[in-house]
């Protein structure tokens, strides 16, 4: 069965970041439609949006026009590049907060990472070389 699916998907585009995003939009809209009053037009509109997003996602996944789908994905990635970069930066900062204190230089605004548990220390900024005292 797995082999048949691999043969079926051969020459088709498959799942990319834009497909994951549209599937997420579909899921969120369908879940929101459940919580919105079922008799209202907003609930049916959200249901319809979710269904259209699912159909579009599967159309993209099973498409044989690979260059067109790759172009769509590239547009999505370039449109969301700054947001994704910021989210990755924040995620990395949150990982580091367990082991490091992150201070901002009062002179230039450069962020300085100091290991936790060092007590009261004098920090020299690597960018502007100004010194400031912090407790870590």
N, C-alpha and C. Protein backbone atom coordinates (compact mmCIF):
# COMPACT_ATOMS: atom_id res chain seq x y z
N UNK A 1 0.82 -1.19 0.00
CA UNK A 1 0.00 0.00 0.00
C UNK A 1 0.87 1.26 0.00
N UNK A 2 1.93 1.23 0.83
CA UNK A 2 2.84 2.36 0.91
C UNK A 2 3.53 2.58 -0.43
N UNK A 3 3.87 1.49 -1.09
CA UNK A 3 4.53 1.55 -2.39
C UNK A 3 3.62 2.17 -3.45
N UNK A 4 2.34 1.81 -3.41
CA UNK A 4 1.38 2.38 -4.36
C UNK A 4 1.25 3.89 -4.17
N UNK A 5 1.25 4.33 -2.90
CA UNK A 5 1.15 5.77 -2.63
C UNK A 5 2.39 6.49 -3.14
N UNK A 6 3.57 5.93 -2.93
CA UNK A 6 4.81 6.54 -3.44
C UNK A 6 4.77 6.67 -4.96
N UNK A 7 4.28 5.63 -5.63
CA UNK A 7 4.18 5.70 -7.09
C UNK A 7 3.15 6.75 -7.52
N UNK A 8 2.05 6.85 -6.78
CA UNK A 8 1.02 7.85 -7.11
C UNK A 8 1.58 9.26 -6.95
N UNK A 9 2.39 9.48 -5.91
CA UNK A 9 2.91 10.82 -5.64
C UNK A 9 4.11 11.18 -6.51
N UNK A 10 4.65 10.21 -7.21
CA UNK A 10 5.80 10.48 -8.07
C UNK A 10 5.40 11.47 -9.17
N UNK A 11 6.17 12.54 -9.31
CA UNK A 11 5.88 13.56 -10.31
C UNK A 11 4.87 14.60 -9.83
N UNK A 12 4.44 14.50 -8.58
CA UNK A 12 3.51 15.48 -8.01
C UNK A 12 4.28 16.37 -7.04
N UNK A 13 3.69 17.52 -6.71
CA UNK A 13 4.42 18.52 -5.93
C UNK A 13 4.64 18.12 -4.48
N UNK A 14 3.63 17.71 -3.77
CA UNK A 14 3.78 17.31 -2.38
C UNK A 14 3.53 18.45 -1.41
N UNK A 15 3.91 18.25 -0.16
CA UNK A 15 3.65 19.21 0.91
C UNK A 15 4.82 20.16 1.05
N UNK A 16 4.53 21.45 1.16
CA UNK A 16 5.54 22.47 1.43
C UNK A 16 5.04 23.38 2.54
N UNK A 17 5.77 24.46 2.82
CA UNK A 17 5.40 25.35 3.91
C UNK A 17 4.07 26.04 3.66
N UNK A 18 3.80 26.42 2.42
CA UNK A 18 2.55 27.09 2.10
C UNK A 18 1.37 26.13 2.26
N UNK A 19 1.56 24.87 1.92
CA UNK A 19 0.50 23.88 2.11
C UNK A 19 0.23 23.68 3.59
N UNK A 20 1.27 23.66 4.40
CA UNK A 20 1.08 23.53 5.85
C UNK A 20 0.32 24.74 6.39
N UNK A 21 0.64 25.93 5.88
CA UNK A 21 -0.04 27.14 6.32
C UNK A 21 -1.52 27.11 5.94
N UNK A 22 -1.83 26.75 4.69
CA UNK A 22 -3.23 26.74 4.27
C UNK A 22 -4.01 25.65 5.01
N UNK A 23 -3.38 24.54 5.31
CA UNK A 23 -4.06 23.51 6.10
C UNK A 23 -4.30 23.99 7.52
N UNK A 24 -3.38 24.76 8.06
CA UNK A 24 -3.58 25.35 9.39
C UNK A 24 -4.71 26.35 9.39
N UNK A 25 -4.80 27.16 8.34
CA UNK A 25 -5.91 28.12 8.21
C UNK A 25 -7.23 27.37 8.14
N UNK A 26 -7.25 26.28 7.39
CA UNK A 26 -8.48 25.47 7.29
C UNK A 26 -8.87 24.91 8.64
N UNK A 27 -7.92 24.38 9.37
CA UNK A 27 -8.20 23.80 10.68
C UNK A 27 -8.73 24.86 11.65
N UNK A 28 -8.08 26.01 11.70
CA UNK A 28 -8.49 27.09 12.60
C UNK A 28 -9.89 27.58 12.24
N UNK A 29 -10.17 27.76 10.96
CA UNK A 29 -11.48 28.26 10.57
C UNK A 29 -12.58 27.25 10.88
N UNK A 30 -12.31 25.97 10.72
CA UNK A 30 -13.32 24.96 11.03
C UNK A 30 -13.56 24.88 12.54
N UNK A 31 -12.49 24.96 13.33
CA UNK A 31 -12.65 24.95 14.79
C UNK A 31 -13.40 26.19 15.26
N UNK A 32 -13.08 27.35 14.67
CA UNK A 32 -13.82 28.57 15.03
C UNK A 32 -15.28 28.46 14.63
N UNK A 33 -15.56 27.82 13.52
CA UNK A 33 -16.94 27.66 13.08
C UNK A 33 -17.74 26.81 14.06
N UNK A 34 -17.08 25.89 14.74
CA UNK A 34 -17.76 25.06 15.74
C UNK A 34 -18.22 25.92 16.92
N UNK A 35 -17.36 26.87 17.32
CA UNK A 35 -17.68 27.70 18.49
C UNK A 35 -18.61 28.87 18.16
N UNK A 36 -18.65 29.29 16.91
CA UNK A 36 -19.57 30.36 16.51
C UNK A 36 -20.96 29.73 16.38
N UNK A 37 -21.96 30.51 16.61
CA UNK A 37 -23.34 30.02 16.53
C UNK A 37 -23.56 29.33 15.19
N UNK A 38 -23.98 28.06 15.22
CA UNK A 38 -24.09 27.26 14.00
C UNK A 38 -25.12 27.79 13.02
N UNK A 39 -26.13 28.47 13.50
CA UNK A 39 -27.16 28.99 12.61
C UNK A 39 -26.77 30.31 11.96
N UNK A 40 -25.70 30.93 12.45
CA UNK A 40 -25.33 32.24 11.93
C UNK A 40 -24.58 32.12 10.61
N UNK A 41 -24.56 33.23 9.89
CA UNK A 41 -23.86 33.23 8.61
C UNK A 41 -22.35 33.21 8.81
N UNK A 42 -21.87 33.73 9.96
CA UNK A 42 -20.43 33.72 10.23
C UNK A 42 -19.92 32.29 10.38
N UNK A 43 -20.69 31.44 11.04
CA UNK A 43 -20.29 30.05 11.21
C UNK A 43 -20.23 29.32 9.89
N UNK A 44 -21.23 29.53 9.04
CA UNK A 44 -21.21 28.86 7.74
C UNK A 44 -20.13 29.43 6.83
N UNK A 45 -19.84 30.72 6.98
CA UNK A 45 -18.76 31.33 6.19
C UNK A 45 -17.40 30.74 6.60
N UNK A 46 -17.20 30.56 7.91
CA UNK A 46 -15.95 29.95 8.38
C UNK A 46 -15.84 28.50 7.92
N UNK A 47 -16.96 27.79 7.96
CA UNK A 47 -16.96 26.41 7.45
C UNK A 47 -16.58 26.36 5.98
N UNK A 48 -17.17 27.26 5.20
CA UNK A 48 -16.90 27.31 3.76
C UNK A 48 -15.43 27.67 3.51
N UNK A 49 -14.91 28.63 4.28
CA UNK A 49 -13.50 29.01 4.15
C UNK A 49 -12.59 27.82 4.44
N UNK A 50 -12.91 27.06 5.48
CA UNK A 50 -12.12 25.88 5.82
C UNK A 50 -12.16 24.84 4.73
N UNK A 51 -13.34 24.61 4.17
CA UNK A 51 -13.48 23.63 3.10
C UNK A 51 -12.71 24.05 1.85
N UNK A 52 -12.82 25.32 1.49
CA UNK A 52 -12.09 25.83 0.31
C UNK A 52 -10.58 25.73 0.54
N UNK A 53 -10.12 26.03 1.75
CA UNK A 53 -8.68 25.94 2.05
C UNK A 53 -8.19 24.50 1.96
N UNK A 54 -9.00 23.55 2.43
CA UNK A 54 -8.61 22.14 2.34
C UNK A 54 -8.54 21.69 0.89
N UNK A 55 -9.54 22.06 0.10
CA UNK A 55 -9.56 21.68 -1.32
C UNK A 55 -8.36 22.28 -2.04
N UNK A 56 -8.07 23.57 -1.77
CA UNK A 56 -6.93 24.23 -2.41
C UNK A 56 -5.61 23.57 -1.99
N UNK A 57 -5.50 23.21 -0.72
CA UNK A 57 -4.28 22.56 -0.24
C UNK A 57 -4.05 21.23 -0.94
N UNK A 58 -5.09 20.42 -1.02
CA UNK A 58 -4.94 19.13 -1.70
C UNK A 58 -4.70 19.30 -3.19
N UNK A 59 -5.28 20.33 -3.79
CA UNK A 59 -4.99 20.63 -5.19
C UNK A 59 -3.50 20.91 -5.37
N UNK A 60 -2.92 21.71 -4.46
CA UNK A 60 -1.50 22.03 -4.55
C UNK A 60 -0.63 20.79 -4.30
N UNK A 61 -1.03 19.95 -3.33
CA UNK A 61 -0.23 18.78 -3.00
C UNK A 61 -0.19 17.79 -4.16
N UNK A 62 -1.32 17.58 -4.82
CA UNK A 62 -1.39 16.59 -5.90
C UNK A 62 -1.10 17.17 -7.29
N UNK A 63 -0.75 18.45 -7.35
CA UNK A 63 -0.50 19.10 -8.63
C UNK A 63 0.75 18.55 -9.30
N UNK A 64 0.70 18.48 -10.63
CA UNK A 64 1.87 18.06 -11.40
C UNK A 64 2.65 19.27 -11.94
N UNK A 65 2.08 20.46 -11.79
CA UNK A 65 2.76 21.68 -12.24
C UNK A 65 3.70 22.15 -11.13
N UNK A 66 4.83 21.50 -11.05
CA UNK A 66 5.75 21.71 -9.94
C UNK A 66 6.34 23.11 -9.94
N UNK A 67 6.67 23.65 -11.08
CA UNK A 67 7.29 24.98 -11.13
C UNK A 67 6.32 26.05 -10.63
N UNK A 68 5.06 25.94 -10.98
CA UNK A 68 4.06 26.91 -10.54
C UNK A 68 3.86 26.83 -9.02
N UNK A 69 3.79 25.62 -8.47
CA UNK A 69 3.60 25.46 -7.03
C UNK A 69 4.84 25.94 -6.26
N UNK A 70 6.01 25.69 -6.80
CA UNK A 70 7.24 26.15 -6.16
C UNK A 70 7.30 27.68 -6.16
N UNK A 71 6.81 28.28 -7.23
CA UNK A 71 6.77 29.74 -7.33
C UNK A 71 5.80 30.31 -6.28
N UNK A 72 4.64 29.67 -6.10
CA UNK A 72 3.69 30.10 -5.08
C UNK A 72 4.30 29.99 -3.69
N UNK A 73 4.99 28.89 -3.44
CA UNK A 73 5.64 28.70 -2.14
C UNK A 73 6.72 29.75 -1.91
N UNK A 74 7.46 30.08 -2.95
CA UNK A 74 8.52 31.09 -2.82
C UNK A 74 7.93 32.46 -2.49
N UNK A 75 6.80 32.80 -3.10
CA UNK A 75 6.12 34.06 -2.77
C UNK A 75 5.69 34.08 -1.31
N UNK A 76 5.14 32.97 -0.85
CA UNK A 76 4.72 32.86 0.56
C UNK A 76 5.92 33.02 1.49
N UNK A 77 7.02 32.34 1.17
CA UNK A 77 8.20 32.41 2.02
C UNK A 77 8.80 33.81 2.05
N UNK A 78 8.81 34.49 0.90
CA UNK A 78 9.37 35.85 0.88
C UNK A 78 8.45 36.83 1.60
N UNK A 79 7.14 36.60 1.54
CA UNK A 79 6.19 37.49 2.23
C UNK A 79 6.26 37.32 3.74
N UNK A 80 6.59 36.13 4.22
CA UNK A 80 6.62 35.87 5.65
C UNK A 80 8.03 35.78 6.22
N UNK A 81 9.04 36.15 5.44
CA UNK A 81 10.43 35.98 5.88
C UNK A 81 10.74 36.77 7.15
N UNK A 82 10.34 38.02 7.21
CA UNK A 82 10.66 38.84 8.39
C UNK A 82 9.97 38.30 9.63
N UNK A 83 8.72 37.90 9.50
CA UNK A 83 7.98 37.36 10.63
C UNK A 83 8.60 36.06 11.11
N UNK A 84 8.93 35.15 10.19
CA UNK A 84 9.54 33.88 10.57
C UNK A 84 10.90 34.09 11.22
N UNK A 85 11.67 35.07 10.70
CA UNK A 85 12.99 35.36 11.26
C UNK A 85 12.85 35.88 12.69
N UNK A 86 11.88 36.75 12.92
CA UNK A 86 11.67 37.30 14.26
C UNK A 86 11.21 36.21 15.23
N UNK A 87 10.30 35.35 14.78
CA UNK A 87 9.83 34.26 15.64
C UNK A 87 10.95 33.29 15.98
N UNK A 88 11.81 32.99 15.01
CA UNK A 88 12.96 32.11 15.28
C UNK A 88 13.93 32.75 16.26
N UNK A 89 14.12 34.06 16.13
CA UNK A 89 15.01 34.78 17.04
C UNK A 89 14.47 34.74 18.46
N UNK A 90 13.16 34.97 18.61
CA UNK A 90 12.53 34.92 19.93
C UNK A 90 12.59 33.51 20.52
N UNK A 91 12.38 32.51 19.69
CA UNK A 91 12.45 31.12 20.13
C UNK A 91 13.86 30.79 20.64
N UNK A 92 14.87 31.25 19.92
CA UNK A 92 16.25 31.03 20.31
C UNK A 92 16.57 31.74 21.63
N UNK A 93 16.04 32.96 21.78
CA UNK A 93 16.26 33.71 23.02
C UNK A 93 15.63 32.98 24.20
N UNK A 94 14.44 32.43 24.01
CA UNK A 94 13.77 31.70 25.09
C UNK A 94 14.53 30.44 25.48
N UNK A 95 15.15 29.77 24.51
CA UNK A 95 15.97 28.60 24.82
C UNK A 95 17.18 28.98 25.67
N UNK A 96 17.78 30.12 25.34
CA UNK A 96 19.00 30.55 26.02
C UNK A 96 18.74 31.10 27.42
N UNK A 97 17.52 31.56 27.71
CA UNK A 97 17.22 32.18 29.00
C UNK A 97 17.40 31.22 30.18
N UNK A 98 17.38 29.92 29.93
CA UNK A 98 17.57 28.96 31.00
C UNK A 98 19.02 28.99 31.50
N UNK A 99 19.97 29.19 30.62
CA UNK A 99 21.38 29.12 30.97
C UNK A 99 22.08 30.48 31.03
N UNK A 100 21.47 31.51 30.44
CA UNK A 100 22.13 32.81 30.32
C UNK A 100 21.19 33.95 30.72
N UNK A 101 21.79 35.03 31.22
CA UNK A 101 21.10 36.31 31.34
C UNK A 101 21.43 37.08 30.08
N UNK A 102 20.47 37.76 29.53
CA UNK A 102 20.73 38.56 28.34
C UNK A 102 20.49 40.01 28.71
N UNK A 103 21.56 40.81 28.69
CA UNK A 103 21.49 42.21 29.06
C UNK A 103 21.66 43.06 27.81
N UNK A 104 21.15 44.28 27.90
CA UNK A 104 21.28 45.24 26.80
C UNK A 104 22.24 46.33 27.25
N UNK A 105 23.19 46.64 26.40
CA UNK A 105 24.16 47.68 26.70
C UNK A 105 23.43 49.03 26.77
N UNK A 106 23.63 49.81 27.84
CA UNK A 106 22.94 51.09 27.95
C UNK A 106 23.43 52.13 26.94
N UNK A 107 24.64 51.95 26.42
CA UNK A 107 25.18 52.93 25.48
C UNK A 107 24.71 52.71 24.04
N UNK A 108 24.87 51.47 23.56
CA UNK A 108 24.61 51.22 22.13
C UNK A 108 23.42 50.31 21.86
N UNK A 109 22.90 49.64 22.89
CA UNK A 109 21.75 48.76 22.69
C UNK A 109 22.12 47.34 22.28
N UNK A 110 23.40 47.02 22.22
CA UNK A 110 23.85 45.68 21.87
C UNK A 110 23.43 44.70 22.96
N UNK A 111 22.95 43.51 22.57
CA UNK A 111 22.59 42.50 23.56
C UNK A 111 23.83 41.69 23.90
N UNK A 112 24.01 41.47 25.22
CA UNK A 112 25.17 40.75 25.72
C UNK A 112 24.67 39.55 26.52
N UNK A 113 25.21 38.39 26.26
CA UNK A 113 24.79 37.15 26.91
C UNK A 113 25.83 36.75 27.96
N UNK A 114 25.35 36.61 29.21
CA UNK A 114 26.21 36.28 30.33
C UNK A 114 25.69 35.01 31.00
N UNK A 115 26.56 34.04 31.33
CA UNK A 115 26.09 32.82 32.01
C UNK A 115 25.43 33.16 33.35
N UNK A 116 24.41 32.40 33.71
CA UNK A 116 23.73 32.60 34.99
C UNK A 116 24.62 32.16 36.14
N UNK A 117 24.37 32.73 37.30
CA UNK A 117 25.05 32.30 38.52
C UNK A 117 26.43 32.90 38.73
N UNK A 118 26.77 33.97 38.06
CA UNK A 118 28.09 34.58 38.22
C UNK A 118 28.10 35.66 39.30
N UNK A 119 26.93 36.03 39.83
CA UNK A 119 26.87 37.08 40.85
C UNK A 119 26.93 38.46 40.22
N UNK A 120 27.48 39.41 40.98
CA UNK A 120 27.59 40.79 40.50
C UNK A 120 28.84 40.88 39.62
N UNK A 121 28.67 41.28 38.36
CA UNK A 121 29.81 41.31 37.44
C UNK A 121 29.83 42.62 36.66
N UNK A 122 31.02 42.97 36.21
CA UNK A 122 31.17 44.12 35.33
C UNK A 122 31.24 43.59 33.90
N UNK A 123 30.37 44.09 33.06
CA UNK A 123 30.27 43.61 31.68
C UNK A 123 30.87 44.66 30.76
N UNK A 124 31.71 44.21 29.84
CA UNK A 124 32.27 45.09 28.83
C UNK A 124 31.56 44.79 27.51
N UNK A 125 30.94 45.79 26.93
CA UNK A 125 30.19 45.61 25.68
C UNK A 125 31.15 45.27 24.54
N UNK A 126 30.88 44.22 23.79
CA UNK A 126 31.78 43.85 22.69
C UNK A 126 31.72 44.82 21.51
N UNK A 127 30.68 45.62 21.45
CA UNK A 127 30.52 46.53 20.31
C UNK A 127 31.14 47.91 20.59
N UNK A 128 30.74 48.53 21.70
CA UNK A 128 31.21 49.90 21.98
C UNK A 128 32.24 49.95 23.11
N UNK A 129 32.50 48.82 23.75
CA UNK A 129 33.51 48.68 24.83
C UNK A 129 33.20 49.50 26.07
N UNK A 130 31.94 49.92 26.23
CA UNK A 130 31.59 50.59 27.49
C UNK A 130 31.38 49.53 28.56
N UNK A 131 31.59 49.91 29.82
CA UNK A 131 31.48 48.95 30.92
C UNK A 131 30.25 49.32 31.76
N UNK A 132 29.54 48.25 32.19
CA UNK A 132 28.40 48.45 33.10
C UNK A 132 28.31 47.26 34.02
N UNK A 133 27.74 47.48 35.20
CA UNK A 133 27.69 46.46 36.24
C UNK A 133 26.28 45.91 36.32
N UNK A 134 26.17 44.58 36.34
CA UNK A 134 24.89 43.90 36.49
C UNK A 134 25.04 42.74 37.45
N UNK A 135 23.92 42.30 37.96
CA UNK A 135 23.89 41.15 38.84
C UNK A 135 23.27 39.99 38.07
N UNK A 136 24.01 38.87 37.90
CA UNK A 136 23.47 37.75 37.11
C UNK A 136 23.04 36.60 37.92
